[in-house]
Amino acid sequence: MIILIMQFGQTFDSFAQFKSTLNQYETVDRQKFVIKGSRSRTIEAAQKMLKRKLNSDLKYYEAQLCCVHGGVVRTRGKGIRKTR
């Protein structure tokens, strides 16, 4: 049985509705997503550049989600141990 929680191109009326749907998807698919900050733009920042009125119930105008296991691996060591 396949349960479709999120679909490509789906729109949301508020950030809370999106977050609720994302949490359901994370639970069913056993994945954890975070919002990457490099391309994420808040509603307030986007409103300064656009002429049209944006829905203030949304938190982001544009957000890029990434799985926590994806992306560049960051080292956690400090280089203290000597190597031969």
PDB file of N, CA and C in Angstrom:
ATOM      1  N   MET A   1       0.839  -1.181   0.000  1.00  0.00           N
ATOM      2  CA  MET A   1       0.000   0.000   0.000  1.00  0.00           C
ATOM      3  C   MET A   1       0.887   1.247   0.000  1.00  0.00           C
ATOM      4  N   ILE A   2       0.703   2.126  -0.951  1.00  0.00           N
ATOM      5  CA  ILE A   2       1.484   3.351  -1.073  1.00  0.00           C
ATOM      6  C   ILE A   2       0.645   4.529  -0.584  1.00  0.00           C
ATOM      7  N   ILE A   3       1.208   5.274   0.336  1.00  0.00           N
ATOM      8  CA  ILE A   3       0.534   6.460   0.867  1.00  0.00           C
ATOM      9  C   ILE A   3       1.254   7.690   0.316  1.00  0.00           C
ATOM     10  N   LEU A   4       0.554   8.508  -0.437  1.00  0.00           N
ATOM     11  CA  LEU A   4       1.139   9.735  -0.968  1.00  0.00           C
ATOM     12  C   LEU A   4       0.860  10.873  -0.003  1.00  0.00           C
ATOM     13  N   ILE A   5       1.895  11.336   0.639  1.00  0.00           N
ATOM     14  CA  ILE A   5       1.748  12.439   1.577  1.00  0.00           C
ATOM     15  C   ILE A   5       2.118  13.752   0.908  1.00  0.00           C
ATOM     16  N   MET A   6       3.247  13.754   0.208  1.00  0.00           N
ATOM     17  CA  MET A   6       3.686  14.938  -0.518  1.00  0.00           C
ATOM     18  C   MET A   6       3.746  14.594  -1.997  1.00  0.00           C
ATOM     19  N   GLN A   7       3.376  15.556  -2.819  1.00  0.00           N
ATOM     20  CA  GLN A   7       3.406  15.360  -4.257  1.00  0.00           C
ATOM     21  C   GLN A   7       4.191  16.493  -4.899  1.00  0.00           C
ATOM     22  N   PHE A   8       4.774  16.211  -6.050  1.00  0.00           N
ATOM     23  CA  PHE A   8       5.534  17.218  -6.777  1.00  0.00           C
ATOM     24  C   PHE A   8       4.614  18.365  -7.188  1.00  0.00           C
ATOM     25  N   GLY A   9       5.043  19.584  -6.910  1.00  0.00           N
ATOM     26  CA  GLY A   9       4.258  20.756  -7.283  1.00  0.00           C
ATOM     27  C   GLY A   9       3.147  21.105  -6.323  1.00  0.00           C
ATOM     28  N   GLN A  10       3.074  20.432  -5.197  1.00  0.00           N
ATOM     29  CA  GLN A  10       2.026  20.692  -4.218  1.00  0.00           C
ATOM     30  C   GLN A  10       2.236  22.076  -3.601  1.00  0.00           C
ATOM     31  N   THR A  11       1.153  22.797  -3.370  1.00  0.00           N
ATOM     32  CA  THR A  11       1.237  24.115  -2.754  1.00  0.00           C
ATOM     33  C   THR A  11       0.606  24.086  -1.370  1.00  0.00           C
ATOM     34  N   PHE A  12       1.023  25.027  -0.535  1.00  0.00           N
ATOM     35  CA  PHE A  12       0.547  25.095   0.845  1.00  0.00           C
ATOM     36  C   PHE A  12       0.105  26.520   1.149  1.00  0.00           C
ATOM     37  N   ASP A  13      -0.899  26.647   2.002  1.00  0.00           N
ATOM     38  CA  ASP A  13      -1.438  27.957   2.356  1.00  0.00           C
ATOM     39  C   ASP A  13      -0.668  28.628   3.480  1.00  0.00           C
ATOM     40  N   SER A  14       0.021  27.824   4.292  1.00  0.00           N
ATOM     41  CA  SER A  14       0.778  28.396   5.399  1.00  0.00           C
ATOM     42  C   SER A  14       2.007  27.534   5.662  1.00  0.00           C
ATOM     43  N   PHE A  15       2.963  28.117   6.383  1.00  0.00           N
ATOM     44  CA  PHE A  15       4.177  27.382   6.720  1.00  0.00           C
ATOM     45  C   PHE A  15       3.863  26.243   7.685  1.00  0.00           C
ATOM     46  N   ALA A  16       2.889  26.435   8.566  1.00  0.00           N
ATOM     47  CA  ALA A  16       2.495  25.391   9.508  1.00  0.00           C
ATOM     48  C   ALA A  16       1.930  24.177   8.775  1.00  0.00           C
ATOM     49  N   GLN A  17       1.153  24.408   7.728  1.00  0.00           N
ATOM     50  CA  GLN A  17       0.608  23.306   6.944  1.00  0.00           C
ATOM     51  C   GLN A  17       1.730  22.550   6.227  1.00  0.00           C
ATOM     52  N   PHE A  18       2.696  23.281   5.680  1.00  0.00           N
ATOM     53  CA  PHE A  18       3.842  22.637   5.039  1.00  0.00           C
ATOM     54  C   PHE A  18       4.648  21.825   6.039  1.00  0.00           C
ATOM     55  N   LYS A  19       4.924  22.406   7.199  1.00  0.00           N
ATOM     56  CA  LYS A  19       5.737  21.737   8.222  1.00  0.00           C
ATOM     57  C   LYS A  19       5.043  20.471   8.717  1.00  0.00           C
ATOM     58  N   SER A  20       3.731  20.515   8.892  1.00  0.00           N
ATOM     59  CA  SER A  20       2.969  19.345   9.320  1.00  0.00           C
ATOM     60  C   SER A  20       3.060  18.222   8.283  1.00  0.00           C
ATOM     61  N   THR A  21       2.915  18.576   7.008  1.00  0.00           N
ATOM     62  CA  THR A  21       3.006  17.586   5.941  1.00  0.00           C
ATOM     63  C   THR A  21       4.423  17.023   5.838  1.00  0.00           C
ATOM     64  N   LEU A  22       5.415  17.882   5.999  1.00  0.00           N
ATOM     65  CA  LEU A  22       6.800  17.430   5.961  1.00  0.00           C
ATOM     66  C   LEU A  22       7.102  16.483   7.124  1.00  0.00           C
ATOM     67  N   ASN A  23       6.590  16.787   8.302  1.00  0.00           N
ATOM     68  CA  ASN A  23       6.802  15.908   9.456  1.00  0.00           C
ATOM     69  C   ASN A  23       6.173  14.536   9.230  1.00  0.00           C
ATOM     70  N   GLN A  24       4.991  14.499   8.616  1.00  0.00           N
ATOM     71  CA  GLN A  24       4.359  13.221   8.293  1.00  0.00           C
ATOM     72  C   GLN A  24       5.208  12.440   7.292  1.00  0.00           C
ATOM     73  N   TYR A  25       5.713  13.140   6.294  1.00  0.00           N
ATOM     74  CA  TYR A  25       6.551  12.495   5.286  1.00  0.00           C
ATOM     75  C   TYR A  25       7.837  11.943   5.904  1.00  0.00           C
ATOM     76  N   GLU A  26       8.446  12.724   6.809  1.00  0.00           N
ATOM     77  CA  GLU A  26       9.669  12.277   7.478  1.00  0.00           C
ATOM     78  C   GLU A  26       9.417  11.030   8.317  1.00  0.00           C
ATOM     79  N   THR A  27       8.264  10.954   8.960  1.00  0.00           N
ATOM     80  CA  THR A  27       7.922   9.796   9.781  1.00  0.00           C
ATOM     81  C   THR A  27       7.701   8.557   8.930  1.00  0.00           C
ATOM     82  N   VAL A  28       6.958   8.700   7.852  1.00  0.00           N
ATOM     83  CA  VAL A  28       6.647   7.551   6.997  1.00  0.00           C
ATOM     84  C   VAL A  28       7.886   7.080   6.246  1.00  0.00           C
ATOM     85  N   ASP A  29       8.656   8.013   5.697  1.00  0.00           N
ATOM     86  CA  ASP A  29       9.805   7.670   4.863  1.00  0.00           C
ATOM     87  C   ASP A  29      11.090   7.482   5.669  1.00  0.00           C
ATOM     88  N   ARG A  30      11.056   7.802   6.958  1.00  0.00           N
ATOM     89  CA  ARG A  30      12.207   7.693   7.861  1.00  0.00           C
ATOM     90  C   ARG A  30      13.400   8.492   7.345  1.00  0.00           C
ATOM     91  N   GLN A  31      13.119   9.711   6.929  1.00  0.00           N
ATOM     92  CA  GLN A  31      14.129  10.653   6.466  1.00  0.00           C
ATOM     93  C   GLN A  31      13.992  11.931   7.281  1.00  0.00           C
ATOM     94  N   LYS A  32      15.096  12.633   7.456  1.00  0.00           N
ATOM     95  CA  LYS A  32      15.080  13.905   8.159  1.00  0.00           C
ATOM     96  C   LYS A  32      15.596  14.970   7.214  1.00  0.00           C
ATOM     97  N   PHE A  33      14.831  16.064   7.068  1.00  0.00           N
ATOM     98  CA  PHE A  33      15.199  17.145   6.168  1.00  0.00           C
ATOM     99  C   PHE A  33      15.451  18.424   6.952  1.00  0.00           C
ATOM    100  N   VAL A  34      16.378  19.216   6.454  1.00  0.00           N
ATOM    101  CA  VAL A  34      16.665  20.528   7.026  1.00  0.00           C
ATOM    102  C   VAL A  34      16.608  21.556   5.905  1.00  0.00           C
ATOM    103  N   ILE A  35      16.390  22.802   6.256  1.00  0.00           N
ATOM    104  CA  ILE A  35      16.359  23.875   5.273  1.00  0.00           C
ATOM    105  C   ILE A  35      17.768  24.431   5.148  1.00  0.00           C
ATOM    106  N   LYS A  36      18.317  24.345   3.933  1.00  0.00           N
ATOM    107  CA  LYS A  36      19.643  24.898   3.686  1.00  0.00           C
ATOM    108  C   LYS A  36      19.528  26.410   3.636  1.00  0.00           C
ATOM    109  N   GLY A  37      20.465  27.099   4.243  1.00  0.00           N
ATOM    110  CA  GLY A  37      20.375  28.543   4.360  1.00  0.00           C
ATOM    111  C   GLY A  37      20.915  29.337   3.195  1.00  0.00           C
ATOM    112  N   SER A  38      21.654  28.709   2.287  1.00  0.00           N
ATOM    113  CA  SER A  38      22.300  29.485   1.245  1.00  0.00           C
ATOM    114  C   SER A  38      21.310  30.080   0.250  1.00  0.00           C
ATOM    115  N   ARG A  39      20.248  29.364  -0.087  1.00  0.00           N
ATOM    116  CA  ARG A  39      19.281  29.862  -1.059  1.00  0.00           C
ATOM    117  C   ARG A  39      17.932  30.176  -0.416  1.00  0.00           C
ATOM    118  N   SER A  40      17.801  29.993   0.857  1.00  0.00           N
ATOM    119  CA  SER A  40      16.530  30.253   1.518  1.00  0.00           C
ATOM    120  C   SER A  40      16.323  31.758   1.660  1.00  0.00           C
ATOM    121  N   ARG A  41      15.123  32.193   1.335  1.00  0.00           N
ATOM    122  CA  ARG A  41      14.806  33.614   1.389  1.00  0.00           C
ATOM    123  C   ARG A  41      13.505  33.779   2.151  1.00  0.00           C
ATOM    124  N   THR A  42      13.514  34.635   3.161  1.00  0.00           N
ATOM    125  CA  THR A  42      12.313  34.848   3.951  1.00  0.00           C
ATOM    126  C   THR A  42      11.329  35.727   3.177  1.00  0.00           C
ATOM    127  N   ILE A  43      10.105  35.728   3.651  1.00  0.00           N
ATOM    128  CA  ILE A  43       9.062  36.541   3.034  1.00  0.00           C
ATOM    129  C   ILE A  43       9.423  38.026   3.111  1.00  0.00           C
ATOM    130  N   GLU A  44       9.968  38.457   4.251  1.00  0.00           N
ATOM    131  CA  GLU A  44      10.309  39.863   4.421  1.00  0.00           C
ATOM    132  C   GLU A  44      11.388  40.300   3.434  1.00  0.00           C
ATOM    133  N   ALA A  45      12.398  39.449   3.212  1.00  0.00           N
ATOM    134  CA  ALA A  45      13.474  39.793   2.284  1.00  0.00           C
ATOM    135  C   ALA A  45      12.967  39.808   0.844  1.00  0.00           C
ATOM    136  N   ALA A  46      12.100  38.874   0.502  1.00  0.00           N
ATOM    137  CA  ALA A  46      11.568  38.818  -0.860  1.00  0.00           C
ATOM    138  C   ALA A  46      10.609  39.973  -1.128  1.00  0.00           C
ATOM    139  N   GLN A  47       9.889  40.411  -0.111  1.00  0.00           N
ATOM    140  CA  GLN A  47       8.918  41.497  -0.277  1.00  0.00           C
ATOM    141  C   GLN A  47       9.613  42.799  -0.667  1.00  0.00           C
ATOM    142  N   LYS A  48      10.856  42.978  -0.240  1.00  0.00           N
ATOM    143  CA  LYS A  48      11.601  44.189  -0.574  1.00  0.00           C
ATOM    144  C   LYS A  48      11.934  44.251  -2.064  1.00  0.00           C
ATOM    145  N   MET A  49      12.088  43.075  -2.689  1.00  0.00           N
ATOM    146  CA  MET A  49      12.476  43.037  -4.100  1.00  0.00           C
ATOM    147  C   MET A  49      11.278  42.907  -5.045  1.00  0.00           C
ATOM    148  N   LEU A  50      10.146  42.426  -4.560  1.00  0.00           N
ATOM    149  CA  LEU A  50       8.988  42.192  -5.416  1.00  0.00           C
ATOM    150  C   LEU A  50       7.948  43.291  -5.236  1.00  0.00           C
ATOM    151  N   LYS A  51       7.171  43.512  -6.267  1.00  0.00           N
ATOM    152  CA  LYS A  51       6.122  44.530  -6.200  1.00  0.00           C
ATOM    153  C   LYS A  51       4.801  43.954  -5.712  1.00  0.00           C
ATOM    154  N   ARG A  52       4.605  42.650  -5.874  1.00  0.00           N
ATOM    155  CA  ARG A  52       3.324  42.052  -5.488  1.00  0.00           C
ATOM    156  C   ARG A  52       3.305  41.713  -3.995  1.00  0.00           C
ATOM    157  N   LYS A  53       2.120  41.627  -3.457  1.00  0.00           N
ATOM    158  CA  LYS A  53       1.919  41.307  -2.038  1.00  0.00           C
ATOM    159  C   LYS A  53       2.065  39.810  -1.833  1.00  0.00           C
ATOM    160  N   LEU A  54       2.818  39.408  -0.809  1.00  0.00           N
ATOM    161  CA  LEU A  54       3.037  37.999  -0.494  1.00  0.00           C
ATOM    162  C   LEU A  54       2.258  37.614   0.760  1.00  0.00           C
ATOM    163  N   ASN A  55       1.901  36.336   0.848  1.00  0.00           N
ATOM    164  CA  ASN A  55       1.161  35.804   1.984  1.00  0.00           C
ATOM    165  C   ASN A  55       2.066  35.810   3.219  1.00  0.00           C
ATOM    166  N   SER A  56       1.688  36.530   4.248  1.00  0.00           N
ATOM    167  CA  SER A  56       2.512  36.640   5.454  1.00  0.00           C
ATOM    168  C   SER A  56       2.444  35.394   6.330  1.00  0.00           C
ATOM    169  N   ASP A  57       1.527  34.451   6.024  1.00  0.00           N
ATOM    170  CA  ASP A  57       1.470  33.198   6.777  1.00  0.00           C
ATOM    171  C   ASP A  57       2.612  32.269   6.415  1.00  0.00           C
ATOM    172  N   LEU A  58       3.243  32.537   5.282  1.00  0.00           N
ATOM    173  CA  LEU A  58       4.391  31.732   4.886  1.00  0.00           C
ATOM    174  C   LEU A  58       5.640  32.277   5.545  1.00  0.00           C
ATOM    175  N   LYS A  59       6.608  31.407   5.818  1.00  0.00           N
ATOM    176  CA  LYS A  59       7.834  31.829   6.463  1.00  0.00           C
ATOM    177  C   LYS A  59       8.921  32.108   5.432  1.00  0.00           C
ATOM    178  N   TYR A  60       8.963  31.302   4.380  1.00  0.00           N
ATOM    179  CA  TYR A  60       9.986  31.439   3.351  1.00  0.00           C
ATOM    180  C   TYR A  60       9.348  31.684   1.995  1.00  0.00           C
ATOM    181  N   TYR A  61       9.957  32.540   1.199  1.00  0.00           N
ATOM    182  CA  TYR A  61       9.549  32.740  -0.189  1.00  0.00           C
ATOM    183  C   TYR A  61      10.130  31.619  -1.038  1.00  0.00           C
ATOM    184  N   GLU A  62      11.357  31.261  -0.733  1.00  0.00           N
ATOM    185  CA  GLU A  62      12.049  30.188  -1.433  1.00  0.00           C
ATOM    186  C   GLU A  62      12.873  29.442  -0.394  1.00  0.00           C
ATOM    187  N   ALA A  63      12.757  28.130  -0.372  1.00  0.00           N
ATOM    188  CA  ALA A  63      13.519  27.327   0.580  1.00  0.00           C
ATOM    189  C   ALA A  63      13.994  26.070  -0.119  1.00  0.00           C
ATOM    190  N   GLN A  64      15.215  25.688   0.188  1.00  0.00           N
ATOM    191  CA  GLN A  64      15.793  24.492  -0.391  1.00  0.00           C
ATOM    192  C   GLN A  64      15.982  23.486   0.742  1.00  0.00           C
ATOM    193  N   LEU A  65      15.301  22.340   0.616  1.00  0.00           N
ATOM    194  CA  LEU A  65      15.397  21.301   1.625  1.00  0.00           C
ATOM    195  C   LEU A  65      16.465  20.297   1.226  1.00  0.00           C
ATOM    196  N   CYS A  66      17.139  19.757   2.224  1.00  0.00           N
ATOM    197  CA  CYS A  66      18.196  18.783   1.979  1.00  0.00           C
ATOM    198  C   CYS A  66      18.113  17.709   3.050  1.00  0.00           C
ATOM    199  N   CYS A  67      18.299  16.463   2.644  1.00  0.00           N
ATOM    200  CA  CYS A  67      18.355  15.364   3.601  1.00  0.00           C
ATOM    201  C   CYS A  67      19.590  15.560   4.481  1.00  0.00           C
ATOM    202  N   VAL A  68      19.499  15.229   5.756  1.00  0.00           N
ATOM    203  CA  VAL A  68      20.628  15.435   6.659  1.00  0.00           C
ATOM    204  C   VAL A  68      21.802  14.539   6.305  1.00  0.00           C
ATOM    205  N   HIS A  69      21.562  13.466   5.575  1.00  0.00           N
ATOM    206  CA  HIS A  69      22.634  12.563   5.187  1.00  0.00           C
ATOM    207  C   HIS A  69      23.282  12.970   3.869  1.00  0.00           C
ATOM    208  N   GLY A  70      22.718  13.925   3.172  1.00  0.00           N
ATOM    209  CA  GLY A  70      23.254  14.370   1.896  1.00  0.00           C
ATOM    210  C   GLY A  70      24.161  15.562   2.069  1.00  0.00           C
ATOM    211  N   GLY A  71      24.835  15.935   1.004  1.00  0.00           N
ATOM    212  CA  GLY A  71      25.681  17.112   1.036  1.00  0.00           C
ATOM    213  C   GLY A  71      27.129  16.783   1.307  1.00  0.00           C
ATOM    214  N   VAL A  72      27.897  17.790   1.637  1.00  0.00           N
ATOM    215  CA  VAL A  72      29.329  17.658   1.859  1.00  0.00           C
ATOM    216  C   VAL A  72      29.577  17.135   3.271  1.00  0.00           C
ATOM    217  N   VAL A  73      30.472  16.172   3.376  1.00  0.00           N
ATOM    218  CA  VAL A  73      30.827  15.621   4.687  1.00  0.00           C
ATOM    219  C   VAL A  73      31.789  16.577   5.361  1.00  0.00           C
ATOM    220  N   ARG A  74      31.449  16.985   6.559  1.00  0.00           N
ATOM    221  CA  ARG A  74      32.301  17.894   7.321  1.00  0.00           C
ATOM    222  C   ARG A  74      33.101  17.103   8.340  1.00  0.00           C
ATOM    223  N   THR A  75      34.379  17.382   8.446  1.00  0.00           N
ATOM    224  CA  THR A  75      35.206  16.699   9.431  1.00  0.00           C
ATOM    225  C   THR A  75      34.924  17.278  10.805  1.00  0.00           C
ATOM    226  N   ARG A  76      35.002  16.419  11.800  1.00  0.00           N
ATOM    227  CA  ARG A  76      34.737  16.861  13.166  1.00  0.00           C
ATOM    228  C   ARG A  76      36.009  16.885  14.003  1.00  0.00           C
ATOM    229  N   GLY A  77      37.115  16.399  13.424  1.00  0.00           N
ATOM    230  CA  GLY A  77      38.369  16.357  14.166  1.00  0.00           C
ATOM    231  C   GLY A  77      39.055  17.723  14.211  1.00  0.00           C
ATOM    232  N   LYS A  78      39.990  17.834  15.137  1.00  0.00           N
ATOM    233  CA  LYS A  78      40.714  19.077  15.296  1.00  0.00           C
ATOM    234  C   LYS A  78      42.187  18.922  14.894  1.00  0.00           C
ATOM    235  N   GLY A  79      42.577  17.714  14.415  1.00  0.00           N
ATOM    236  CA  GLY A  79      43.933  17.489  13.958  1.00  0.00           C
ATOM    237  C   GLY A  79      44.956  17.382  15.086  1.00  0.00           C
ATOM    238  N   ILE A  80      44.538  17.000  16.281  1.00  0.00           N
ATOM    239  CA  ILE A  80      45.432  16.945  17.428  1.00  0.00           C
ATOM    240  C   ILE A  80      46.301  15.682  17.415  1.00  0.00           C
ATOM    241  N   ARG A  81      45.730  14.559  17.047  1.00  0.00           N
ATOM    242  CA  ARG A  81      46.473  13.292  17.066  1.00  0.00           C
ATOM    243  C   ARG A  81      47.561  13.301  15.994  1.00  0.00           C
ATOM    244  N   LYS A  82      48.760  12.872  16.382  1.00  0.00           N
ATOM    245  CA  LYS A  82      49.867  12.812  15.452  1.00  0.00           C
ATOM    246  C   LYS A  82      49.730  11.559  14.602  1.00  0.00           C
ATOM    247  N   THR A  83      50.101  11.677  13.350  1.00  0.00           N
ATOM    248  CA  THR A  83      50.103  10.523  12.463  1.00  0.00           C
ATOM    249  C   THR A  83      51.546  10.169  12.135  1.00  0.00           C
ATOM    250  N   ARG A  84      51.782   8.917  11.814  1.00  0.00           N
ATOM    251  CA  ARG A  84      53.155   8.478  11.530  1.00  0.00           C
ATOM    252  C   ARG A  84      53.560   8.771  10.143  1.00  0.00           C
TER     253      ARG A  84
END
